[in-house]
Amino acid sequence: MRETSDLVNEMLIEAKKAWLVAIAVGFEDETKFVFSSRKQPLKELNQLVEKGGYPIGLLRFDKENSTVQGSYRPFREYENEEWVKNYLAGLLDNAGDIIALSQQKPKFSTAY
């Protein structure tokens, strides 16, 4: 797997041509997202990876007028894995919820 900074840079480059882009981070029983619209996406991704998450690919949302179209792209480490394509495609079934999550403030863990 590439460095998390490389994955975030890939997301931010993609985001220049999209309305919203997110990295899908898979866990055993859930999926978390790191959004291109966040102020500290690298910090968020690093926290998720430290908690055992695997960055799988990008979800891209393009908006035209009032219509939002979603698409996905696995990271190159997973591009030949059929299960990843099914996984990411399934996430798009929840596009409205994912977009709503992007509007919420992130919850960072605080180390004392």
Protein backbone atom coordinates (compact mmCIF):
# COMPACT_ATOMS: atom_id res chain seq x y z
CA MET A 1 0.00 0.00 0.00
CA ARG A 2 1.20 3.47 -0.81
CA GLU A 3 1.71 6.16 1.80
CA THR A 4 -1.48 7.78 3.09
CA SER A 5 -0.16 11.14 1.89
CA ASP A 6 -0.06 9.74 -1.68
CA LEU A 7 -3.69 8.59 -1.39
CA VAL A 8 -4.82 11.97 -0.08
CA ASN A 9 -2.95 13.75 -2.86
CA GLU A 10 -4.65 11.49 -5.40
CA MET A 11 -8.03 12.37 -3.87
CA LEU A 12 -7.29 16.11 -3.90
CA ILE A 13 -6.22 16.02 -7.55
CA GLU A 14 -9.45 14.20 -8.43
CA ALA A 15 -11.43 16.72 -6.37
CA LYS A 16 -10.30 19.61 -8.57
CA LYS A 17 -12.63 18.26 -11.30
CA ALA A 18 -15.48 17.07 -9.06
CA TRP A 19 -18.08 18.39 -6.64
CA LEU A 20 -16.98 15.99 -3.86
CA VAL A 21 -14.52 13.11 -3.56
CA ALA A 22 -14.09 10.70 -0.67
CA ILE A 23 -11.67 7.95 0.22
CA ALA A 24 -13.57 4.85 1.29
CA VAL A 25 -11.83 3.22 4.26
CA GLY A 26 -12.96 -0.33 4.95
CA PHE A 27 -13.15 -1.93 8.36
CA GLU A 28 -14.33 -5.44 9.17
CA ASP A 29 -17.91 -4.35 9.84
CA GLU A 30 -18.22 -0.76 8.58
CA THR A 31 -16.94 1.84 6.15
CA LYS A 32 -15.65 5.27 7.05
CA PHE A 33 -14.93 8.15 4.67
CA VAL A 34 -12.32 10.87 4.34
CA PHE A 35 -13.71 13.76 2.31
CA SER A 36 -11.88 16.10 -0.02
CA SER A 37 -13.76 19.02 1.55
CA ARG A 38 -12.16 18.53 4.97
CA LYS A 39 -9.43 20.78 6.34
CA GLN A 40 -7.20 17.92 7.49
CA PRO A 41 -7.89 14.88 5.31
CA LEU A 42 -4.44 13.39 5.88
CA LYS A 43 -4.88 13.50 9.64
CA GLU A 44 -8.30 11.86 9.32
CA LEU A 45 -7.00 9.11 7.03
CA ASN A 46 -4.01 8.42 9.29
CA GLN A 47 -6.32 8.08 12.29
CA LEU A 48 -8.55 5.61 10.46
CA VAL A 49 -5.59 3.53 9.28
CA GLU A 50 -4.17 3.50 12.82
CA LYS A 51 -7.52 2.08 13.96
CA GLY A 52 -7.23 -0.78 11.45
CA GLY A 53 -8.94 0.67 8.38
CA TYR A 54 -7.90 -0.05 4.80
CA PRO A 55 -8.16 2.70 2.16
CA ILE A 56 -9.91 0.93 -0.72
CA GLY A 57 -10.68 3.57 -3.34
CA LEU A 58 -12.30 6.84 -4.28
CA LEU A 59 -15.95 7.78 -4.51
CA ARG A 60 -16.56 10.75 -6.76
CA PHE A 61 -19.70 12.89 -6.87
CA ASP A 62 -20.40 15.31 -9.70
CA LYS A 63 -23.23 17.81 -9.43
CA GLU A 64 -25.07 19.32 -12.36
CA ASN A 65 -27.98 21.58 -11.46
CA SER A 66 -29.85 19.57 -8.81
CA THR A 67 -28.62 16.14 -9.95
CA VAL A 68 -25.69 14.33 -8.32
CA GLN A 69 -23.97 11.50 -10.16
CA GLY A 70 -21.70 9.12 -8.27
CA SER A 71 -18.84 7.02 -9.57
CA TYR A 72 -15.99 5.05 -8.02
CA ARG A 73 -12.41 4.06 -8.71
CA PRO A 74 -10.43 1.50 -6.72
CA PHE A 75 -6.92 2.47 -5.71
CA ARG A 76 -4.39 0.82 -8.01
CA GLU A 77 -3.51 -1.69 -5.29
CA TYR A 78 -7.04 -3.11 -5.64
CA GLU A 79 -7.90 -2.33 -9.27
CA ASN A 80 -7.95 -6.00 -10.33
CA GLU A 81 -10.00 -7.18 -7.35
CA GLU A 82 -13.60 -7.86 -8.34
CA TRP A 83 -14.82 -7.70 -4.73
CA VAL A 84 -13.53 -4.11 -4.47
CA LYS A 85 -15.55 -3.02 -7.48
CA ASN A 86 -18.68 -4.59 -5.97
CA TYR A 87 -17.89 -3.04 -2.58
CA LEU A 88 -17.47 0.48 -3.97
CA ALA A 89 -20.47 0.16 -6.28
CA GLY A 90 -22.56 -0.91 -3.29
CA LEU A 91 -21.47 2.16 -1.36
CA LEU A 92 -22.94 4.35 -4.10
CA ASP A 93 -26.36 2.91 -3.21
CA ASN A 94 -26.03 5.12 -0.12
CA ALA A 95 -24.84 8.24 -1.94
CA GLY A 96 -27.27 10.54 -0.12
CA ASP A 97 -26.08 9.38 3.29
CA ILE A 98 -22.44 9.69 2.26
CA ILE A 99 -22.97 13.23 0.99
CA ALA A 100 -24.74 14.10 4.25
CA LEU A 101 -21.74 12.76 6.20
CA SER A 102 -19.48 15.09 4.25
CA GLN A 103 -21.40 18.04 5.71
CA GLN A 104 -20.80 16.99 9.33
CA LYS A 105 -17.85 18.15 11.38
CA PRO A 106 -15.15 15.48 11.82
CA LYS A 107 -14.66 13.83 15.20
CA PHE A 108 -10.98 13.66 16.07
CA SER A 109 -9.61 11.51 18.83
CA THR A 110 -7.77 13.53 21.43
CA ALA A 111 -4.59 12.15 22.95
CA TYR A 112 -3.87 13.16 26.53
